[in-house]
Amino acid sequence: MQFVVCNHEAHAQQILDIFNDAILHSTALYDYKPRVFDAMLPWFEAKALHGFPVIGAVNHEGVLLGFASYGSFRAWPAYKYTVEHSVYVHPAHRGKGVGLALMLQLMAAARDQQV
């Protein structure tokens, strides 16, 4: 497993598939309807605009096993150093340590950004 910085061109469809699986089969997202591909570019742009990472775990063939990110928790000044994180793992790779590995990478990124 390797870690990559996810981008729209290489990872949008794989992230969308993982998102939609979570929407349909869990309570991890607040959405009830699957997302559409056109929603992915604004999602990536918003992450980039605010300097929020999208970290992916890929196998030796470049297939995305899962991804992790964070974003603003609340807009109030008191939450300046608080973020809300998300970790999503493809269903075929759950229970194999991918989520933990992504969380550790995400925590390191948060420390680097001092949040």
N, C-alpha and C. Protein backbone atom coordinates (compact mmCIF):
# COMPACT_ATOMS: atom_id res chain seq x y z
N MET A 1 0.85 -1.17 0.00
CA MET A 1 0.00 0.00 0.00
C MET A 1 0.89 1.23 0.00
N GLN A 2 0.53 2.18 -0.85
CA GLN A 2 1.22 3.46 -0.92
C GLN A 2 0.20 4.57 -0.69
N PHE A 3 0.70 5.72 -0.27
CA PHE A 3 -0.17 6.87 -0.06
C PHE A 3 0.08 7.89 -1.16
N VAL A 4 -1.00 8.48 -1.64
CA VAL A 4 -0.93 9.47 -2.71
C VAL A 4 -1.81 10.65 -2.35
N VAL A 5 -1.52 11.78 -2.97
CA VAL A 5 -2.41 12.93 -2.89
C VAL A 5 -3.43 12.74 -4.01
N CYS A 6 -4.68 12.59 -3.65
CA CYS A 6 -5.71 12.34 -4.65
C CYS A 6 -6.01 13.60 -5.45
N ASN A 7 -6.36 13.40 -6.71
CA ASN A 7 -6.75 14.50 -7.58
C ASN A 7 -7.95 14.09 -8.41
N HIS A 8 -8.61 15.07 -8.97
CA HIS A 8 -9.84 14.83 -9.72
C HIS A 8 -9.61 13.89 -10.89
N GLU A 9 -8.60 14.17 -11.67
CA GLU A 9 -8.37 13.39 -12.89
C GLU A 9 -8.15 11.91 -12.61
N ALA A 10 -7.33 11.60 -11.63
CA ALA A 10 -6.96 10.21 -11.37
C ALA A 10 -7.90 9.48 -10.42
N HIS A 11 -8.58 10.21 -9.54
CA HIS A 11 -9.27 9.53 -8.45
C HIS A 11 -10.75 9.84 -8.28
N ALA A 12 -11.28 10.78 -9.03
CA ALA A 12 -12.68 11.21 -8.81
C ALA A 12 -13.66 10.05 -8.92
N GLN A 13 -13.54 9.24 -9.94
CA GLN A 13 -14.51 8.14 -10.11
C GLN A 13 -14.39 7.12 -8.99
N GLN A 14 -13.16 6.80 -8.59
CA GLN A 14 -12.99 5.82 -7.52
C GLN A 14 -13.50 6.36 -6.18
N ILE A 15 -13.27 7.64 -5.92
CA ILE A 15 -13.78 8.25 -4.69
C ILE A 15 -15.30 8.29 -4.73
N LEU A 16 -15.86 8.63 -5.89
CA LEU A 16 -17.31 8.65 -6.04
C LEU A 16 -17.91 7.27 -5.75
N ASP A 17 -17.29 6.23 -6.26
CA ASP A 17 -17.78 4.88 -6.02
C ASP A 17 -17.76 4.54 -4.53
N ILE A 18 -16.70 4.93 -3.84
CA ILE A 18 -16.60 4.67 -2.40
C ILE A 18 -17.63 5.49 -1.65
N PHE A 19 -17.77 6.77 -1.99
CA PHE A 19 -18.81 7.61 -1.39
C PHE A 19 -20.19 6.96 -1.55
N ASN A 20 -20.52 6.58 -2.78
CA ASN A 20 -21.86 6.07 -3.05
C ASN A 20 -22.12 4.75 -2.35
N ASP A 21 -21.11 3.92 -2.20
CA ASP A 21 -21.28 2.70 -1.42
C ASP A 21 -21.63 3.05 0.03
N ALA A 22 -20.93 4.03 0.58
CA ALA A 22 -21.20 4.45 1.96
C ALA A 22 -22.60 5.04 2.09
N ILE A 23 -23.05 5.79 1.10
CA ILE A 23 -24.40 6.37 1.12
C ILE A 23 -25.45 5.26 1.11
N LEU A 24 -25.25 4.28 0.26
CA LEU A 24 -26.25 3.23 0.10
C LEU A 24 -26.23 2.16 1.19
N HIS A 25 -25.08 1.96 1.83
CA HIS A 25 -24.96 0.82 2.75
C HIS A 25 -24.52 1.17 4.16
N SER A 26 -24.52 2.45 4.52
CA SER A 26 -24.10 2.83 5.87
C SER A 26 -24.78 4.14 6.27
N THR A 27 -24.45 4.58 7.45
CA THR A 27 -24.92 5.89 7.92
C THR A 27 -23.75 6.87 8.04
N ALA A 28 -22.67 6.59 7.33
CA ALA A 28 -21.46 7.41 7.44
C ALA A 28 -21.60 8.78 6.79
N LEU A 29 -22.49 8.91 5.83
CA LEU A 29 -22.72 10.20 5.16
C LEU A 29 -24.15 10.65 5.43
N TYR A 30 -24.35 11.95 5.36
CA TYR A 30 -25.69 12.50 5.59
C TYR A 30 -26.52 12.55 4.32
N ASP A 31 -26.01 12.03 3.23
CA ASP A 31 -26.75 11.98 1.97
C ASP A 31 -27.61 10.72 1.93
N TYR A 32 -28.73 10.81 1.23
CA TYR A 32 -29.59 9.65 1.01
C TYR A 32 -29.56 9.20 -0.45
N LYS A 33 -29.17 10.10 -1.33
CA LYS A 33 -29.11 9.79 -2.75
C LYS A 33 -27.64 9.70 -3.17
N PRO A 34 -27.32 8.74 -4.03
CA PRO A 34 -25.95 8.67 -4.54
C PRO A 34 -25.54 9.99 -5.20
N ARG A 35 -24.28 10.30 -5.07
CA ARG A 35 -23.74 11.51 -5.70
C ARG A 35 -23.48 11.25 -7.18
N VAL A 36 -23.38 12.33 -7.93
CA VAL A 36 -23.10 12.23 -9.37
C VAL A 36 -21.67 12.70 -9.63
N PHE A 37 -21.13 12.25 -10.75
CA PHE A 37 -19.75 12.58 -11.07
C PHE A 37 -19.51 14.08 -11.13
N ASP A 38 -20.49 14.83 -11.62
CA ASP A 38 -20.32 16.29 -11.74
C ASP A 38 -20.11 16.97 -10.40
N ALA A 39 -20.45 16.32 -9.31
CA ALA A 39 -20.24 16.90 -7.98
C ALA A 39 -18.80 16.78 -7.51
N MET A 40 -18.01 15.97 -8.19
CA MET A 40 -16.66 15.70 -7.70
C MET A 40 -15.69 16.86 -7.94
N LEU A 41 -15.78 17.53 -9.08
CA LEU A 41 -14.86 18.63 -9.34
C LEU A 41 -15.03 19.74 -8.30
N PRO A 42 -16.25 20.19 -8.00
CA PRO A 42 -16.40 21.20 -6.94
C PRO A 42 -15.90 20.70 -5.58
N TRP A 43 -16.06 19.42 -5.30
CA TRP A 43 -15.57 18.86 -4.04
C TRP A 43 -14.05 18.98 -3.96
N PHE A 44 -13.36 18.57 -5.03
CA PHE A 44 -11.90 18.69 -5.06
C PHE A 44 -11.46 20.15 -5.02
N GLU A 45 -12.16 21.02 -5.74
CA GLU A 45 -11.81 22.44 -5.75
C GLU A 45 -11.95 23.06 -4.37
N ALA A 46 -13.00 22.70 -3.64
CA ALA A 46 -13.20 23.24 -2.29
C ALA A 46 -12.10 22.77 -1.35
N LYS A 47 -11.70 21.52 -1.47
CA LYS A 47 -10.60 21.01 -0.64
C LYS A 47 -9.32 21.79 -0.94
N ALA A 48 -9.02 21.97 -2.22
CA ALA A 48 -7.81 22.68 -2.62
C ALA A 48 -7.84 24.14 -2.19
N LEU A 49 -8.99 24.79 -2.32
CA LEU A 49 -9.12 26.20 -1.96
C LEU A 49 -8.75 26.44 -0.50
N HIS A 50 -9.12 25.52 0.35
CA HIS A 50 -8.87 25.68 1.79
C HIS A 50 -7.62 24.94 2.27
N GLY A 51 -6.90 24.32 1.35
CA GLY A 51 -5.67 23.63 1.72
C GLY A 51 -5.90 22.33 2.47
N PHE A 52 -7.07 21.73 2.30
CA PHE A 52 -7.37 20.48 2.99
C PHE A 52 -6.89 19.30 2.17
N PRO A 53 -6.23 18.34 2.79
CA PRO A 53 -5.69 17.21 2.05
C PRO A 53 -6.77 16.21 1.66
N VAL A 54 -6.51 15.50 0.58
CA VAL A 54 -7.27 14.30 0.22
C VAL A 54 -6.20 13.24 0.01
N ILE A 55 -6.05 12.38 0.99
CA ILE A 55 -4.99 11.38 0.99
C ILE A 55 -5.59 10.04 0.58
N GLY A 56 -4.98 9.40 -0.39
CA GLY A 56 -5.46 8.10 -0.84
C GLY A 56 -4.48 7.00 -0.50
N ALA A 57 -5.01 5.82 -0.31
CA ALA A 57 -4.20 4.61 -0.18
C ALA A 57 -4.44 3.80 -1.45
N VAL A 58 -3.38 3.48 -2.16
CA VAL A 58 -3.50 2.72 -3.40
C VAL A 58 -2.69 1.44 -3.31
N ASN A 59 -3.11 0.45 -4.09
CA ASN A 59 -2.34 -0.78 -4.16
C ASN A 59 -1.25 -0.65 -5.22
N HIS A 60 -0.52 -1.73 -5.46
CA HIS A 60 0.60 -1.68 -6.41
C HIS A 60 0.15 -1.42 -7.85
N GLU A 61 -1.15 -1.60 -8.13
CA GLU A 61 -1.68 -1.32 -9.46
C GLU A 61 -2.30 0.07 -9.57
N GLY A 62 -2.24 0.83 -8.48
CA GLY A 62 -2.80 2.18 -8.48
C GLY A 62 -4.29 2.25 -8.18
N VAL A 63 -4.88 1.13 -7.78
CA VAL A 63 -6.30 1.10 -7.44
C VAL A 63 -6.48 1.71 -6.05
N LEU A 64 -7.44 2.62 -5.93
CA LEU A 64 -7.70 3.30 -4.67
C LEU A 64 -8.38 2.35 -3.70
N LEU A 65 -7.73 2.12 -2.56
CA LEU A 65 -8.28 1.26 -1.52
C LEU A 65 -9.18 2.05 -0.58
N GLY A 66 -8.87 3.32 -0.42
CA GLY A 66 -9.62 4.20 0.46
C GLY A 66 -9.02 5.58 0.42
N PHE A 67 -9.69 6.52 1.09
CA PHE A 67 -9.18 7.88 1.14
C PHE A 67 -9.60 8.54 2.44
N ALA A 68 -8.89 9.60 2.77
CA ALA A 68 -9.18 10.35 4.00
C ALA A 68 -8.99 11.83 3.72
N SER A 69 -9.77 12.63 4.41
CA SER A 69 -9.67 14.07 4.26
C SER A 69 -10.21 14.74 5.51
N TYR A 70 -10.06 16.03 5.57
CA TYR A 70 -10.74 16.80 6.60
C TYR A 70 -11.14 18.13 6.03
N GLY A 71 -12.02 18.80 6.78
CA GLY A 71 -12.51 20.10 6.37
C GLY A 71 -12.90 20.89 7.60
N SER A 72 -13.39 22.08 7.37
CA SER A 72 -13.79 22.95 8.47
C SER A 72 -14.87 22.29 9.31
N PHE A 73 -14.78 22.48 10.61
CA PHE A 73 -15.79 21.95 11.52
C PHE A 73 -16.93 22.94 11.69
N ARG A 74 -16.60 24.16 12.05
CA ARG A 74 -17.57 25.24 12.19
C ARG A 74 -16.91 26.53 11.72
N ALA A 75 -17.71 27.48 11.30
CA ALA A 75 -17.18 28.73 10.76
C ALA A 75 -16.78 29.73 11.83
N TRP A 76 -17.04 29.46 13.08
CA TRP A 76 -16.73 30.40 14.16
C TRP A 76 -15.24 30.46 14.45
N PRO A 77 -14.71 31.63 14.82
CA PRO A 77 -13.28 31.79 15.08
C PRO A 77 -12.74 30.81 16.14
N ALA A 78 -13.55 30.46 17.11
CA ALA A 78 -13.08 29.56 18.17
C ALA A 78 -12.73 28.17 17.64
N TYR A 79 -13.21 27.83 16.45
CA TYR A 79 -12.94 26.52 15.86
C TYR A 79 -11.81 26.56 14.83
N LYS A 80 -11.00 27.60 14.87
CA LYS A 80 -9.92 27.78 13.89
C LYS A 80 -9.01 26.56 13.81
N TYR A 81 -8.76 25.92 14.94
CA TYR A 81 -7.85 24.78 14.97
C TYR A 81 -8.59 23.46 15.10
N THR A 82 -9.82 23.44 14.67
CA THR A 82 -10.64 22.23 14.74
C THR A 82 -11.08 21.84 13.34
N VAL A 83 -10.90 20.58 13.00
CA VAL A 83 -11.36 20.08 11.70
C VAL A 83 -12.23 18.85 11.93
N GLU A 84 -13.02 18.55 10.93
CA GLU A 84 -13.85 17.35 10.94
C GLU A 84 -13.27 16.40 9.90
N HIS A 85 -12.92 15.21 10.32
CA HIS A 85 -12.25 14.29 9.40
C HIS A 85 -13.21 13.23 8.86
N SER A 86 -12.81 12.65 7.75
CA SER A 86 -13.54 11.55 7.12
C SER A 86 -12.54 10.54 6.62
N VAL A 87 -12.85 9.27 6.85
CA VAL A 87 -12.05 8.17 6.32
C VAL A 87 -13.02 7.19 5.68
N TYR A 88 -12.79 6.89 4.43
CA TYR A 88 -13.65 5.95 3.70
C TYR A 88 -12.78 4.88 3.07
N VAL A 89 -13.20 3.64 3.19
CA VAL A 89 -12.46 2.51 2.64
C VAL A 89 -13.39 1.71 1.72
N HIS A 90 -12.86 1.34 0.58
CA HIS A 90 -13.62 0.50 -0.35
C HIS A 90 -14.06 -0.76 0.38
N PRO A 91 -15.30 -1.23 0.15
CA PRO A 91 -15.79 -2.38 0.91
C PRO A 91 -14.93 -3.63 0.78
N ALA A 92 -14.27 -3.82 -0.33
CA ALA A 92 -13.42 -5.01 -0.51
C ALA A 92 -12.14 -4.95 0.31
N HIS A 93 -11.84 -3.79 0.89
CA HIS A 93 -10.57 -3.63 1.61
C HIS A 93 -10.76 -3.26 3.07
N ARG A 94 -11.98 -3.33 3.55
CA ARG A 94 -12.25 -3.03 4.97
C ARG A 94 -11.74 -4.16 5.84
N GLY A 95 -11.33 -3.80 7.06
CA GLY A 95 -10.84 -4.79 8.01
C GLY A 95 -9.42 -5.23 7.76
N LYS A 96 -8.70 -4.50 6.92
CA LYS A 96 -7.33 -4.87 6.57
C LYS A 96 -6.30 -3.83 7.00
N GLY A 97 -6.74 -2.86 7.80
CA GLY A 97 -5.82 -1.84 8.29
C GLY A 97 -5.70 -0.60 7.42
N VAL A 98 -6.45 -0.54 6.34
CA VAL A 98 -6.38 0.61 5.43
C VAL A 98 -6.87 1.87 6.13
N GLY A 99 -7.98 1.77 6.84
CA GLY A 99 -8.54 2.93 7.53
C GLY A 99 -7.59 3.49 8.58
N LEU A 100 -7.00 2.61 9.37
CA LEU A 100 -6.04 3.05 10.39
C LEU A 100 -4.84 3.72 9.74
N ALA A 101 -4.32 3.12 8.68
CA ALA A 101 -3.16 3.70 8.00
C ALA A 101 -3.50 5.09 7.44
N LEU A 102 -4.69 5.23 6.88
CA LEU A 102 -5.11 6.54 6.38
C LEU A 102 -5.28 7.54 7.51
N MET A 103 -5.83 7.09 8.62
CA MET A 103 -6.03 8.00 9.76
C MET A 103 -4.69 8.51 10.27
N LEU A 104 -3.69 7.66 10.33
CA LEU A 104 -2.36 8.09 10.78
C LEU A 104 -1.77 9.12 9.82
N GLN A 105 -1.95 8.91 8.53
CA GLN A 105 -1.48 9.88 7.54
C GLN A 105 -2.22 11.21 7.69
N LEU A 106 -3.52 11.13 7.93
CA LEU A 106 -4.33 12.34 8.08
C LEU A 106 -3.94 13.11 9.33
N MET A 107 -3.66 12.40 10.41
CA MET A 107 -3.22 13.05 11.64
C MET A 107 -1.89 13.76 11.44
N ALA A 108 -0.99 13.14 10.70
CA ALA A 108 0.30 13.78 10.41
C ALA A 108 0.10 15.04 9.59
N ALA A 109 -0.81 14.99 8.61
CA ALA A 109 -1.09 16.18 7.80
C ALA A 109 -1.68 17.29 8.66
N ALA A 110 -2.55 16.93 9.59
CA ALA A 110 -3.16 17.93 10.48
C ALA A 110 -2.11 18.58 11.37
N ARG A 111 -1.19 17.77 11.88
CA ARG A 111 -0.11 18.34 12.70
C ARG A 111 0.73 19.30 11.87
N ASP A 112 1.04 18.90 10.64
CA ASP A 112 1.84 19.77 9.76
C ASP A 112 1.12 21.09 9.47
N GLN A 113 -0.20 21.05 9.40
CA GLN A 113 -0.98 22.26 9.14
C GLN A 113 -1.40 22.96 10.44
N GLN A 114 -0.99 22.40 11.54
CA GLN A 114 -1.27 22.96 12.87
C GLN A 114 -2.76 23.12 13.14
N VAL A 115 -3.50 22.09 12.80
CA VAL A 115 -4.93 22.06 13.14
C VAL A 115 -5.22 20.83 13.99
